[in-house]
C-alpha atoms as a PDB file:
ATOM      1  CA  UNK A   1     -12.774 -13.643 -13.318  1.00  0.00           C
ATOM      2  CA  UNK A   2      -8.994 -14.060 -12.696  1.00  0.00           C
ATOM      3  CA  UNK A   3      -6.999 -10.956 -11.845  1.00  0.00           C
ATOM      4  CA  UNK A   4      -4.586  -9.300 -14.266  1.00  0.00           C
ATOM      5  CA  UNK A   5      -3.226  -6.536 -12.022  1.00  0.00           C
ATOM      6  CA  UNK A   6      -2.276  -6.234  -8.323  1.00  0.00           C
ATOM      7  CA  UNK A   7      -2.036  -2.744  -6.812  1.00  0.00           C
ATOM      8  CA  UNK A   8      -0.135  -2.596  -3.558  1.00  0.00           C
ATOM      9  CA  UNK A   9      -0.181   0.244  -1.087  1.00  0.00           C
ATOM     10  CA  UNK A  10       3.208   0.974   0.481  1.00  0.00           C
ATOM     11  CA  UNK A  11       3.042   2.455   4.012  1.00  0.00           C
ATOM     12  CA  UNK A  12       1.889  -0.105   6.609  1.00  0.00           C
ATOM     13  CA  UNK A  13       1.243  -2.585   3.775  1.00  0.00           C
ATOM     14  CA  UNK A  14       4.510  -3.536   2.134  1.00  0.00           C
ATOM     15  CA  UNK A  15       6.393  -1.972   5.065  1.00  0.00           C
ATOM     16  CA  UNK A  16       5.185  -2.083   8.662  1.00  0.00           C
ATOM     17  CA  UNK A  17       5.443   1.681   9.378  1.00  0.00           C
ATOM     18  CA  UNK A  18       4.406   4.943   7.692  1.00  0.00           C
ATOM     19  CA  UNK A  19       7.500   6.164   5.849  1.00  0.00           C
ATOM     20  CA  UNK A  20       5.853   9.251   4.376  1.00  0.00           C
ATOM     21  CA  UNK A  21       4.760  10.596   7.790  1.00  0.00           C
ATOM     22  CA  UNK A  22       8.066   9.667   9.392  1.00  0.00           C
ATOM     23  CA  UNK A  23      10.003  11.712   6.834  1.00  0.00           C
ATOM     24  CA  UNK A  24       7.518  14.555   6.965  1.00  0.00           C
ATOM     25  CA  UNK A  25       7.855  14.689  10.743  1.00  0.00           C
ATOM     26  CA  UNK A  26      11.621  15.215  10.558  1.00  0.00           C
ATOM     27  CA  UNK A  27      11.244  17.567   7.628  1.00  0.00           C
ATOM     28  CA  UNK A  28      13.255  15.581   5.096  1.00  0.00           C
ATOM     29  CA  UNK A  29      12.289  16.779   1.620  1.00  0.00           C
ATOM     30  CA  UNK A  30      11.993  14.219  -1.148  1.00  0.00           C
ATOM     31  CA  UNK A  31      15.027  15.666  -2.935  1.00  0.00           C
ATOM     32  CA  UNK A  32      17.077  15.166   0.289  1.00  0.00           C
ATOM     33  CA  UNK A  33      16.298  11.487   0.528  1.00  0.00           C
ATOM     34  CA  UNK A  34      19.316   9.241  -0.027  1.00  0.00           C
ATOM     35  CA  UNK A  35      19.915   5.515   0.080  1.00  0.00           C
ATOM     36  CA  UNK A  36      22.024   5.971   3.224  1.00  0.00           C
ATOM     37  CA  UNK A  37      19.162   7.769   4.973  1.00  0.00           C
ATOM     38  CA  UNK A  38      16.846   4.920   4.024  1.00  0.00           C
ATOM     39  CA  UNK A  39      19.317   2.353   5.312  1.00  0.00           C
ATOM     40  CA  UNK A  40      19.453   4.249   8.627  1.00  0.00           C
ATOM     41  CA  UNK A  41      15.651   4.283   8.841  1.00  0.00           C
ATOM     42  CA  UNK A  42      15.277   0.583   8.130  1.00  0.00           C
ATOM     43  CA  UNK A  43      18.037  -0.236  10.645  1.00  0.00           C
ATOM     44  CA  UNK A  44      15.920   0.854  13.567  1.00  0.00           C
ATOM     45  CA  UNK A  45      13.470  -1.271  15.570  1.00  0.00           C
ATOM     46  CA  UNK A  46       9.889  -1.267  14.336  1.00  0.00           C
ATOM     47  CA  UNK A  47      10.809  -0.240  10.799  1.00  0.00           C
ATOM     48  CA  UNK A  48      10.954  -3.214   8.460  1.00  0.00           C
ATOM     49  CA  UNK A  49       9.435  -4.959   5.471  1.00  0.00           C
ATOM     50  CA  UNK A  50       6.188  -6.653   6.384  1.00  0.00           C
ATOM     51  CA  UNK A  51       6.423 -10.464   5.838  1.00  0.00           C
ATOM     52  CA  UNK A  52       9.421 -10.043   3.519  1.00  0.00           C
ATOM     53  CA  UNK A  53       9.928 -13.648   2.376  1.00  0.00           C
ATOM     54  CA  UNK A  54       6.198 -14.188   1.755  1.00  0.00           C
ATOM     55  CA  UNK A  55       5.864 -10.882  -0.089  1.00  0.00           C
ATOM     56  CA  UNK A  56       8.943 -11.653  -2.173  1.00  0.00           C
ATOM     57  CA  UNK A  57       7.611 -15.098  -3.126  1.00  0.00           C
ATOM     58  CA  UNK A  58       4.159 -13.783  -3.945  1.00  0.00           C
ATOM     59  CA  UNK A  59       5.453 -10.941  -6.101  1.00  0.00           C
ATOM     60  CA  UNK A  60       7.728 -13.347  -7.994  1.00  0.00           C
ATOM     61  CA  UNK A  61       4.882 -15.783  -8.519  1.00  0.00           C
ATOM     62  CA  UNK A  62       2.552 -13.011  -9.709  1.00  0.00           C
ATOM     63  CA  UNK A  63       5.122 -11.798 -12.238  1.00  0.00           C
ATOM     64  CA  UNK A  64       5.809 -15.362 -13.325  1.00  0.00           C
ATOM     65  CA  UNK A  65       2.090 -15.879 -13.959  1.00  0.00           C
ATOM     66  CA  UNK A  66       2.025 -12.801 -16.195  1.00  0.00           C
ATOM     67  CA  UNK A  67       0.093 -10.691 -13.653  1.00  0.00           C
ATOM     68  CA  UNK A  68       1.155  -7.031 -13.508  1.00  0.00           C
ATOM     69  CA  UNK A  69       2.139  -5.318 -10.229  1.00  0.00           C
ATOM     70  CA  UNK A  70       1.804  -1.660  -9.441  1.00  0.00           C
ATOM     71  CA  UNK A  71       2.555   0.476  -6.345  1.00  0.00           C
ATOM     72  CA  UNK A  72      -0.362   2.858  -5.785  1.00  0.00           C
ATOM     73  CA  UNK A  73       0.633   4.835  -2.740  1.00  0.00           C
ATOM     74  CA  UNK A  74      -0.076   8.341  -1.368  1.00  0.00           C
ATOM     75  CA  UNK A  75       3.555   9.398  -0.939  1.00  0.00           C
ATOM     76  CA  UNK A  76       5.837  12.276  -1.871  1.00  0.00           C
ATOM     77  CA  UNK A  77       8.760   9.864  -1.394  1.00  0.00           C
ATOM     78  CA  UNK A  78       8.292   7.522  -4.359  1.00  0.00           C
ATOM     79  CA  UNK A  79      12.020   7.643  -5.033  1.00  0.00           C
ATOM     80  CA  UNK A  80      12.308   5.282  -2.015  1.00  0.00           C
ATOM     81  CA  UNK A  81      10.139   2.582  -3.629  1.00  0.00           C
ATOM     82  CA  UNK A  82      12.890   0.845  -5.697  1.00  0.00           C
ATOM     83  CA  UNK A  83      15.043   0.728  -2.557  1.00  0.00           C
ATOM     84  CA  UNK A  84      12.175  -0.888  -0.679  1.00  0.00           C
ATOM     85  CA  UNK A  85      11.543  -3.407  -3.451  1.00  0.00           C
ATOM     86  CA  UNK A  86      15.221  -4.269  -3.308  1.00  0.00           C
ATOM     87  CA  UNK A  87      14.885  -4.694   0.475  1.00  0.00           C
ATOM     88  CA  UNK A  88      12.061  -7.118  -0.156  1.00  0.00           C
ATOM     89  CA  UNK A  89      14.556  -9.105  -2.163  1.00  0.00           C
ATOM     90  CA  UNK A  90      13.460  -8.544  -5.776  1.00  0.00           C
ATOM     91  CA  UNK A  91      16.143  -8.544  -8.456  1.00  0.00           C
ATOM     92  CA  UNK A  92      16.729  -5.442 -10.661  1.00  0.00           C
ATOM     93  CA  UNK A  93      14.963  -7.254 -13.509  1.00  0.00           C
ATOM     94  CA  UNK A  94      11.929  -7.906 -11.274  1.00  0.00           C
ATOM     95  CA  UNK A  95      11.928  -4.378  -9.895  1.00  0.00           C
ATOM     96  CA  UNK A  96      11.856  -3.006 -13.483  1.00  0.00           C
ATOM     97  CA  UNK A  97       8.618  -4.889 -14.048  1.00  0.00           C
ATOM     98  CA  UNK A  98       6.838  -3.188 -11.135  1.00  0.00           C
ATOM     99  CA  UNK A  99       4.940  -0.043 -12.114  1.00  0.00           C
ATOM    100  CA  UNK A 100       5.316   2.836  -9.657  1.00  0.00           C
ATOM    101  CA  UNK A 101       2.320   5.050 -10.360  1.00  0.00           C
ATOM    102  CA  UNK A 102       3.288   8.735 -10.032  1.00  0.00           C
ATOM    103  CA  UNK A 103       1.511  10.829  -7.462  1.00  0.00           C
ATOM    104  CA  UNK A 104       1.096  14.416  -8.750  1.00  0.00           C
ATOM    105  CA  UNK A 105       1.890  17.578  -6.866  1.00  0.00           C
ATOM    106  CA  UNK A 106      -1.760  18.658  -7.264  1.00  0.00           C
ATOM    107  CA  UNK A 107      -2.985  15.472  -5.602  1.00  0.00           C
ATOM    108  CA  UNK A 108      -0.429  15.798  -2.846  1.00  0.00           C
ATOM    109  CA  UNK A 109      -1.606  19.332  -2.065  1.00  0.00           C
ATOM    110  CA  UNK A 110      -5.223  18.223  -2.006  1.00  0.00           C
ATOM    111  CA  UNK A 111      -4.602  15.285   0.322  1.00  0.00           C
ATOM    112  CA  UNK A 112      -2.230  16.652   2.940  1.00  0.00           C
ATOM    113  CA  UNK A 113      -2.487  18.745   6.021  1.00  0.00           C
ATOM    114  CA  UNK A 114      -0.405  21.861   6.629  1.00  0.00           C
ATOM    115  CA  UNK A 115       2.646  19.928   7.903  1.00  0.00           C
ATOM    116  CA  UNK A 116       2.653  17.304   5.156  1.00  0.00           C
ATOM    117  CA  UNK A 117       0.863  14.541   7.049  1.00  0.00           C
ATOM    118  CA  UNK A 118      -2.127  12.714   5.530  1.00  0.00           C
ATOM    119  CA  UNK A 119      -5.450  14.086   6.632  1.00  0.00           C
ATOM    120  CA  UNK A 120      -7.639  12.396   9.186  1.00  0.00           C
ATOM    121  CA  UNK A 121     -10.906  10.609   8.608  1.00  0.00           C
ATOM    122  CA  UNK A 122     -13.009  13.722   8.065  1.00  0.00           C
ATOM    123  CA  UNK A 123     -11.085  14.235   4.783  1.00  0.00           C
ATOM    124  CA  UNK A 124     -11.079  10.546   3.810  1.00  0.00           C
ATOM    125  CA  UNK A 125     -13.516  10.870   0.843  1.00  0.00           C
ATOM    126  CA  UNK A 126     -11.043  13.234  -0.784  1.00  0.00           C
ATOM    127  CA  UNK A 127      -7.980  11.050  -0.154  1.00  0.00           C
ATOM    128  CA  UNK A 128      -9.862   7.962  -1.390  1.00  0.00           C
ATOM    129  CA  UNK A 129     -10.477   9.758  -4.712  1.00  0.00           C
ATOM    130  CA  UNK A 130      -6.759  10.383  -5.145  1.00  0.00           C
ATOM    131  CA  UNK A 131      -6.024   6.740  -4.279  1.00  0.00           C
ATOM    132  CA  UNK A 132      -8.610   5.574  -6.808  1.00  0.00           C
ATOM    133  CA  UNK A 133      -6.967   7.817  -9.408  1.00  0.00           C
ATOM    134  CA  UNK A 134      -3.710   5.983  -8.887  1.00  0.00           C
ATOM    135  CA  UNK A 135      -5.410   2.583  -9.277  1.00  0.00           C
ATOM    136  CA  UNK A 136      -7.134   3.753 -12.443  1.00  0.00           C
ATOM    137  CA  UNK A 137      -3.840   4.961 -13.933  1.00  0.00           C
ATOM    138  CA  UNK A 138      -2.357   1.508 -13.326  1.00  0.00           C
ATOM    139  CA  UNK A 139      -5.476  -0.245 -14.668  1.00  0.00           C
ATOM    140  CA  UNK A 140      -5.388   1.732 -17.915  1.00  0.00           C
ATOM    141  CA  UNK A 141      -1.769   0.690 -18.466  1.00  0.00           C
ATOM    142  CA  UNK A 142      -2.801  -2.957 -18.286  1.00  0.00           C
ATOM    143  CA  UNK A 143      -6.136  -2.482 -20.149  1.00  0.00           C
ATOM    144  CA  UNK A 144      -8.211  -4.607 -17.811  1.00  0.00           C
ATOM    145  CA  UNK A 145     -11.616  -4.326 -16.098  1.00  0.00           C
ATOM    146  CA  UNK A 146     -12.056  -3.243 -12.523  1.00  0.00           C
ATOM    147  CA  UNK A 147     -12.990  -6.728 -11.373  1.00  0.00           C
ATOM    148  CA  UNK A 148      -9.587  -7.933 -12.743  1.00  0.00           C
ATOM    149  CA  UNK A 149      -7.737  -5.647 -10.294  1.00  0.00           C
ATOM    150  CA  UNK A 150      -6.707  -6.754  -6.793  1.00  0.00           C
ATOM    151  CA  UNK A 151      -5.953  -3.924  -4.370  1.00  0.00           C
ATOM    152  CA  UNK A 152      -3.944  -4.694  -1.202  1.00  0.00           C
ATOM    153  CA  UNK A 153      -4.278  -2.048   1.494  1.00  0.00           C
ATOM    154  CA  UNK A 154      -3.971  -1.600   5.291  1.00  0.00           C
ATOM    155  CA  UNK A 155      -6.804   0.926   5.674  1.00  0.00           C
ATOM    156  CA  UNK A 156     -10.213  -0.691   6.114  1.00  0.00           C
ATOM    157  CA  UNK A 157     -12.104   2.304   4.799  1.00  0.00           C
ATOM    158  CA  UNK A 158     -10.117   2.271   1.534  1.00  0.00           C
ATOM    159  CA  UNK A 159     -10.704  -1.473   1.277  1.00  0.00           C
ATOM    160  CA  UNK A 160     -14.423  -0.985   1.701  1.00  0.00           C
ATOM    161  CA  UNK A 161     -14.511   1.883  -0.821  1.00  0.00           C
ATOM    162  CA  UNK A 162     -12.437  -0.139  -3.336  1.00  0.00           C
ATOM    163  CA  UNK A 163     -14.807  -3.110  -3.073  1.00  0.00           C
ATOM    164  CA  UNK A 164     -17.793  -0.731  -3.526  1.00  0.00           C
ATOM    165  CA  UNK A 165     -16.077   0.696  -6.628  1.00  0.00           C
ATOM    166  CA  UNK A 166     -15.754  -2.802  -8.197  1.00  0.00           C
ATOM    167  CA  UNK A 167     -12.150  -3.732  -7.391  1.00  0.00           C
ATOM    168  CA  UNK A 168     -11.121  -6.882  -5.503  1.00  0.00           C
ATOM    169  CA  UNK A 169      -9.787  -5.343  -2.342  1.00  0.00           C
ATOM    170  CA  UNK A 170      -7.865  -7.180   0.402  1.00  0.00           C
ATOM    171  CA  UNK A 171      -7.111  -5.815   3.880  1.00  0.00           C
ATOM    172  CA  UNK A 172      -3.691  -6.528   5.281  1.00  0.00           C
ATOM    173  CA  UNK A 173      -3.723  -9.094   8.078  1.00  0.00           C
ATOM    174  CA  UNK A 174      -1.703  -7.637  10.979  1.00  0.00           C
ATOM    175  CA  UNK A 175      -1.404 -11.079  12.570  1.00  0.00           C
ATOM    176  CA  UNK A 176      -0.256 -13.317   9.742  1.00  0.00           C
ATOM    177  CA  UNK A 177      -0.037 -13.860   5.988  1.00  0.00           C
ATOM    178  CA  UNK A 178      -3.601 -14.958   5.307  1.00  0.00           C
ATOM    179  CA  UNK A 179      -4.173 -11.872   3.156  1.00  0.00           C
ATOM    180  CA  UNK A 180      -1.398 -13.034   0.853  1.00  0.00           C
ATOM    181  CA  UNK A 181      -3.025 -16.440   0.480  1.00  0.00           C
ATOM    182  CA  UNK A 182      -6.281 -14.606  -0.336  1.00  0.00           C
ATOM    183  CA  UNK A 183      -4.425 -12.677  -3.037  1.00  0.00           C
ATOM    184  CA  UNK A 184      -2.737 -15.843  -4.347  1.00  0.00           C
ATOM    185  CA  UNK A 185      -6.127 -17.548  -4.636  1.00  0.00           C
ATOM    186  CA  UNK A 186      -7.417 -14.657  -6.738  1.00  0.00           C
ATOM    187  CA  UNK A 187      -4.362 -15.099  -8.964  1.00  0.00           C
ATOM    188  CA  UNK A 188      -4.775 -18.858  -9.281  1.00  0.00           C
ATOM    189  CA  UNK A 189      -1.632 -19.568  -7.254  1.00  0.00           C
ATOM    190  CA  UNK A 190      -1.083 -22.166  -4.580  1.00  0.00           C
ATOM    191  CA  UNK A 191      -1.300 -20.877  -0.978  1.00  0.00           C
ATOM    192  CA  UNK A 192       1.828 -20.076   0.895  1.00  0.00           C
ATOM    193  CA  UNK A 193       0.809 -22.478   3.636  1.00  0.00           C
ATOM    194  CA  UNK A 194      -1.285 -25.610   3.678  1.00  0.00           C
ATOM    195  CA  UNK A 195      -3.676 -24.042   6.170  1.00  0.00           C
ATOM    196  CA  UNK A 196      -5.100 -20.697   5.190  1.00  0.00           C
ATOM    197  CA  UNK A 197      -5.934 -17.997   7.758  1.00  0.00           C
ATOM    198  CA  UNK A 198      -8.677 -15.419   7.309  1.00  0.00           C
ATOM    199  CA  UNK A 199      -7.449 -11.924   6.722  1.00  0.00           C
ATOM    200  CA  UNK A 200      -8.546  -9.475   9.441  1.00  0.00           C
ATOM    201  CA  UNK A 201      -9.165  -5.767   9.715  1.00  0.00           C
ATOM    202  CA  UNK A 202      -7.148  -4.011  12.423  1.00  0.00           C
ATOM    203  CA  UNK A 203      -9.232  -2.848  15.413  1.00  0.00           C
ATOM    204  CA  UNK A 204     -10.311   0.758  15.527  1.00  0.00           C
ATOM    205  CA  UNK A 205      -8.211   3.163  17.579  1.00  0.00           C
ATOM    206  CA  UNK A 206      -9.993   5.236  20.219  1.00  0.00           C
ATOM    207  CA  UNK A 207     -10.868   8.744  19.101  1.00  0.00           C
ATOM    208  CA  UNK A 208      -8.046  11.224  19.797  1.00  0.00           C
ATOM    209  CA  UNK A 209      -5.338   8.575  19.849  1.00  0.00           C
ATOM    210  CA  UNK A 210      -2.005  10.229  19.036  1.00  0.00           C
ATOM    211  CA  UNK A 211       0.029   9.166  16.080  1.00  0.00           C
ATOM    212  CA  UNK A 212       2.716   6.683  16.915  1.00  0.00           C
ATOM    213  CA  UNK A 213       5.840   8.747  16.243  1.00  0.00           C
ATOM    214  CA  UNK A 214       8.093   6.286  18.066  1.00  0.00           C
ATOM    215  CA  UNK A 215       7.816   3.838  15.191  1.00  0.00           C
ATOM    216  CA  UNK A 216       7.474   6.458  12.542  1.00  0.00           C
ATOM    217  CA  UNK A 217       3.863   5.510  11.751  1.00  0.00           C
ATOM    218  CA  UNK A 218       0.265   6.452  12.243  1.00  0.00           C
ATOM    219  CA  UNK A 219      -2.676   4.332  13.253  1.00  0.00           C
ATOM    220  CA  UNK A 220      -4.993   3.286  10.453  1.00  0.00           C
ATOM    221  CA  UNK A 221      -7.425   5.944   9.401  1.00  0.00           C
ATOM    222  CA  UNK A 222     -10.930   5.168  10.578  1.00  0.00           C
ATOM    223  CA  UNK A 223     -14.314   6.595   9.845  1.00  0.00           C
ATOM    224  CA  UNK A 224     -17.237   5.895   7.608  1.00  0.00           C
ATOM    225  CA  UNK A 225     -17.076   6.752   3.938  1.00  0.00           C
ATOM    226  CA  UNK A 226     -20.192   8.117   2.304  1.00  0.00           C
ATOM    227  CA  UNK A 227     -21.476   6.069  -0.640  1.00  0.00           C
ATOM    228  CA  UNK A 228     -19.531   6.762  -3.814  1.00  0.00           C
ATOM    229  CA  UNK A 229     -21.298   7.958  -6.899  1.00  0.00           C
ATOM    230  CA  UNK A 230     -24.894   9.207  -7.277  1.00  0.00           C
END
Protein backbone atom coordinates (compact mmCIF):
# COMPACT_ATOMS: atom_id res chain seq x y z
CA UNK A 1 0.00 0.00 0.00
CA UNK A 2 1.45 3.44 -0.94
CA UNK A 3 2.36 5.79 1.89
CA UNK A 4 0.35 8.91 2.71
CA UNK A 5 2.50 10.33 5.51
CA UNK A 6 6.25 10.56 6.25
CA UNK A 7 7.33 11.20 9.84
CA UNK A 8 10.91 12.44 10.18
CA UNK A 9 12.94 12.44 13.36
CA UNK A 10 15.13 15.54 13.74
CA UNK A 11 18.31 14.98 15.78
CA UNK A 12 20.89 12.86 13.90
CA UNK A 13 18.32 12.30 11.13
CA UNK A 14 17.57 15.58 9.36
CA UNK A 15 20.61 17.10 11.05
CA UNK A 16 23.85 15.23 11.74
CA UNK A 17 24.13 16.07 15.45
CA UNK A 18 21.88 16.08 18.54
CA UNK A 19 20.64 19.66 18.90
CA UNK A 20 18.49 18.98 21.95
CA UNK A 21 21.35 17.53 24.00
CA UNK A 22 23.77 20.20 22.79
CA UNK A 23 21.48 22.97 24.02
CA UNK A 24 20.69 21.12 27.26
CA UNK A 25 24.45 20.73 27.92
CA UNK A 26 25.05 24.49 27.76
CA UNK A 27 21.80 25.18 29.65
CA UNK A 28 20.05 27.20 26.96
CA UNK A 29 16.35 27.19 27.76
CA UNK A 30 13.88 26.93 24.85
CA UNK A 31 12.70 30.49 25.47
CA UNK A 32 16.31 31.72 25.14
CA UNK A 33 16.82 30.18 21.71
CA UNK A 34 17.22 32.77 18.97
CA UNK A 35 17.90 32.57 15.25
CA UNK A 36 21.36 34.06 15.84
CA UNK A 37 22.21 31.33 18.35
CA UNK A 38 21.10 28.74 15.83
CA UNK A 39 23.23 30.36 13.13
CA UNK A 40 26.22 30.19 15.48
CA UNK A 41 25.57 26.50 16.20
CA UNK A 42 25.27 25.55 12.53
CA UNK A 43 28.39 27.55 11.70
CA UNK A 44 30.63 25.14 13.59
CA UNK A 45 32.29 22.00 12.24
CA UNK A 46 30.27 18.81 12.64
CA UNK A 47 26.95 20.59 12.90
CA UNK A 48 25.07 20.59 9.64
CA UNK A 49 22.05 19.37 7.71
CA UNK A 50 22.43 15.70 6.75
CA UNK A 51 22.42 15.30 2.93
CA UNK A 52 20.76 18.71 2.43
CA UNK A 53 20.21 18.68 -1.32
CA UNK A 54 18.85 15.12 -1.30
CA UNK A 55 16.60 15.83 1.70
CA UNK A 56 15.34 19.04 0.06
CA UNK A 57 14.55 17.29 -3.22
CA UNK A 58 12.86 14.38 -1.47
CA UNK A 59 10.70 16.63 0.71
CA UNK A 60 9.66 18.68 -2.31
CA UNK A 61 8.83 15.57 -4.30
CA UNK A 62 6.80 14.14 -1.41
CA UNK A 63 4.78 17.34 -1.05
CA UNK A 64 4.34 17.51 -4.82
CA UNK A 65 2.94 13.98 -4.78
CA UNK A 66 0.40 14.94 -2.13
CA UNK A 67 2.18 13.02 0.65
CA UNK A 68 2.11 14.74 4.03
CA UNK A 69 5.27 15.38 6.05
CA UNK A 70 5.52 15.62 9.84
CA UNK A 71 8.42 16.16 12.23
CA UNK A 72 8.04 13.75 15.15
CA UNK A 73 10.98 14.45 17.42
CA UNK A 74 11.70 14.24 21.15
CA UNK A 75 12.79 17.83 21.63
CA UNK A 76 12.08 20.78 23.88
CA UNK A 77 13.46 23.04 21.12
CA UNK A 78 10.78 22.68 18.46
CA UNK A 79 10.96 26.43 17.85
CA UNK A 80 14.21 25.63 15.98
CA UNK A 81 12.50 23.35 13.46
CA UNK A 82 11.29 26.04 10.97
CA UNK A 83 14.84 27.46 10.99
CA UNK A 84 16.24 24.00 10.21
CA UNK A 85 13.71 23.44 7.42
CA UNK A 86 14.77 26.79 6.00
CA UNK A 87 18.40 25.64 6.25
CA UNK A 88 17.45 22.55 4.25
CA UNK A 89 16.30 24.94 1.55
CA UNK A 90 12.51 24.71 1.71
CA UNK A 91 10.50 27.80 0.84
CA UNK A 92 8.15 29.44 3.40
CA UNK A 93 5.22 27.93 1.50
CA UNK A 94 6.76 24.45 1.73
CA UNK A 95 7.65 24.87 5.41
CA UNK A 96 4.03 25.80 6.14
CA UNK A 97 2.97 22.41 4.78
CA UNK A 98 5.20 20.49 7.22
CA UNK A 99 3.45 19.48 10.42
CA UNK A 100 5.56 19.93 13.56
CA UNK A 101 3.95 17.63 16.11
CA UNK A 102 4.03 19.25 19.57
CA UNK A 103 5.87 17.44 22.35
CA UNK A 104 4.08 18.01 25.67
CA UNK A 105 5.71 19.05 28.93
CA UNK A 106 4.38 15.85 30.53
CA UNK A 107 6.09 13.69 27.89
CA UNK A 108 9.31 15.68 28.22
CA UNK A 109 9.39 15.10 31.98
CA UNK A 110 8.75 11.38 31.54
CA UNK A 111 11.48 10.95 28.94
CA UNK A 112 14.38 12.99 30.30
CA UNK A 113 17.07 12.52 32.86
CA UNK A 114 17.74 15.03 35.65
CA UNK A 115 19.87 17.34 33.46
CA UNK A 116 17.55 17.34 30.47
CA UNK A 117 19.31 14.69 28.37
CA UNK A 118 17.39 11.81 26.86
CA UNK A 119 17.54 8.66 28.93
CA UNK A 120 19.75 5.70 28.06
CA UNK A 121 18.66 2.31 26.79
CA UNK A 122 17.27 1.03 30.10
CA UNK A 123 14.47 3.62 29.73
CA UNK A 124 14.00 3.07 25.99
CA UNK A 125 10.54 1.42 26.22
CA UNK A 126 9.23 4.59 27.86
CA UNK A 127 10.80 6.93 25.32
CA UNK A 128 9.53 4.78 22.43
CA UNK A 129 5.99 5.16 23.76
CA UNK A 130 6.31 8.95 23.67
CA UNK A 131 7.77 8.75 20.14
CA UNK A 132 4.88 6.55 19.03
CA UNK A 133 2.46 9.07 20.53
CA UNK A 134 3.90 11.76 18.25
CA UNK A 135 3.57 9.51 15.19
CA UNK A 136 -0.02 8.71 16.11
CA UNK A 137 -0.87 12.40 16.47
CA UNK A 138 0.47 13.03 12.96
CA UNK A 139 -1.33 9.95 11.58
CA UNK A 140 -4.68 11.06 12.96
CA UNK A 141 -4.28 14.45 11.26
CA UNK A 142 -3.90 12.66 7.92
CA UNK A 143 -6.49 9.93 8.66
CA UNK A 144 -4.45 7.06 7.31
CA UNK A 145 -3.58 3.52 8.41
CA UNK A 146 -0.33 2.61 10.16
CA UNK A 147 0.96 0.81 7.07
CA UNK A 148 0.54 4.06 5.13
CA UNK A 149 3.05 5.84 7.40
CA UNK A 150 6.79 5.92 6.72
CA UNK A 151 8.98 6.72 9.73
CA UNK A 152 12.57 7.91 9.16
CA UNK A 153 14.80 7.58 12.24
CA UNK A 154 18.47 7.19 13.20
CA UNK A 155 17.91 4.92 16.20
CA UNK A 156 17.80 1.24 15.27
CA UNK A 157 15.72 0.29 18.33
CA UNK A 158 13.02 2.80 17.42
CA UNK A 159 13.11 1.54 13.83
CA UNK A 160 12.62 -2.02 15.04
CA UNK A 161 9.81 -1.01 17.41
CA UNK A 162 8.09 1.05 14.70
CA UNK A 163 8.15 -1.87 12.26
CA UNK A 164 6.76 -4.14 14.97
CA UNK A 165 3.98 -1.61 15.58
CA UNK A 166 2.95 -1.69 11.90
CA UNK A 167 4.64 1.42 10.49
CA UNK A 168 7.09 1.37 7.55
CA UNK A 169 10.26 2.38 9.35
CA UNK A 170 13.55 3.30 7.68
CA UNK A 171 16.90 3.60 9.44
CA UNK A 172 19.14 6.49 8.39
CA UNK A 173 22.15 5.40 6.34
CA UNK A 174 25.21 7.03 7.87
CA UNK A 175 27.26 6.35 4.74
CA UNK A 176 25.04 7.56 1.90
CA UNK A 177 21.52 8.38 0.75
CA UNK A 178 20.18 4.88 0.16
CA UNK A 179 17.63 5.38 2.92
CA UNK A 180 16.13 8.26 0.95
CA UNK A 181 15.83 6.08 -2.15
CA UNK A 182 14.10 3.50 0.05
CA UNK A 183 11.65 6.19 1.17
CA UNK A 184 11.15 7.42 -2.38
CA UNK A 185 10.33 3.91 -3.54
CA UNK A 186 7.66 3.64 -0.84
CA UNK A 187 6.23 6.92 -2.13
CA UNK A 188 6.28 5.83 -5.77
CA UNK A 189 9.03 8.31 -6.65
CA UNK A 190 12.06 7.79 -8.86
CA UNK A 191 15.33 7.13 -6.98
CA UNK A 192 17.77 9.96 -6.44
CA UNK A 193 20.47 7.95 -8.15
CA UNK A 194 20.42 5.30 -10.86
CA UNK A 195 22.12 2.83 -8.51
CA UNK A 196 20.47 2.29 -5.16
CA UNK A 197 22.40 1.55 -2.01
CA UNK A 198 21.08 -0.47 0.89
CA UNK A 199 20.36 1.54 4.02
CA UNK A 200 22.42 0.42 6.98
CA UNK A 201 22.10 0.50 10.73
CA UNK A 202 24.96 2.26 12.55
CA UNK A 203 27.25 -0.08 14.50
CA UNK A 204 26.70 -0.44 18.23
CA UNK A 205 28.84 1.67 20.53
CA UNK A 206 30.75 -0.15 23.29
CA UNK A 207 29.03 -0.07 26.68
CA UNK A 208 30.06 2.97 28.69
CA UNK A 209 31.03 5.08 25.67
CA UNK A 210 30.80 8.75 26.59
CA UNK A 211 28.49 11.07 24.73
CA UNK A 212 30.24 13.00 21.99
CA UNK A 213 30.01 16.52 23.35
CA UNK A 214 32.57 17.87 20.89
CA UNK A 215 30.05 17.63 18.08
CA UNK A 216 27.07 18.34 20.27
CA UNK A 217 25.64 14.87 19.83
CA UNK A 218 25.18 11.53 21.45
CA UNK A 219 25.77 8.07 20.05
CA UNK A 220 22.66 6.17 18.97
CA UNK A 221 20.78 4.58 21.82
CA UNK A 222 21.23 0.83 21.84
CA UNK A 223 19.58 -1.98 23.67
CA UNK A 224 16.86 -4.50 23.12
CA UNK A 225 13.25 -3.43 23.35
CA UNK A 226 10.81 -5.84 24.94
CA UNK A 227 7.92 -6.90 22.69
CA UNK A 228 5.20 -4.29 22.50
CA UNK A 229 1.67 -5.12 23.48
CA UNK A 230 0.36 -8.25 25.25
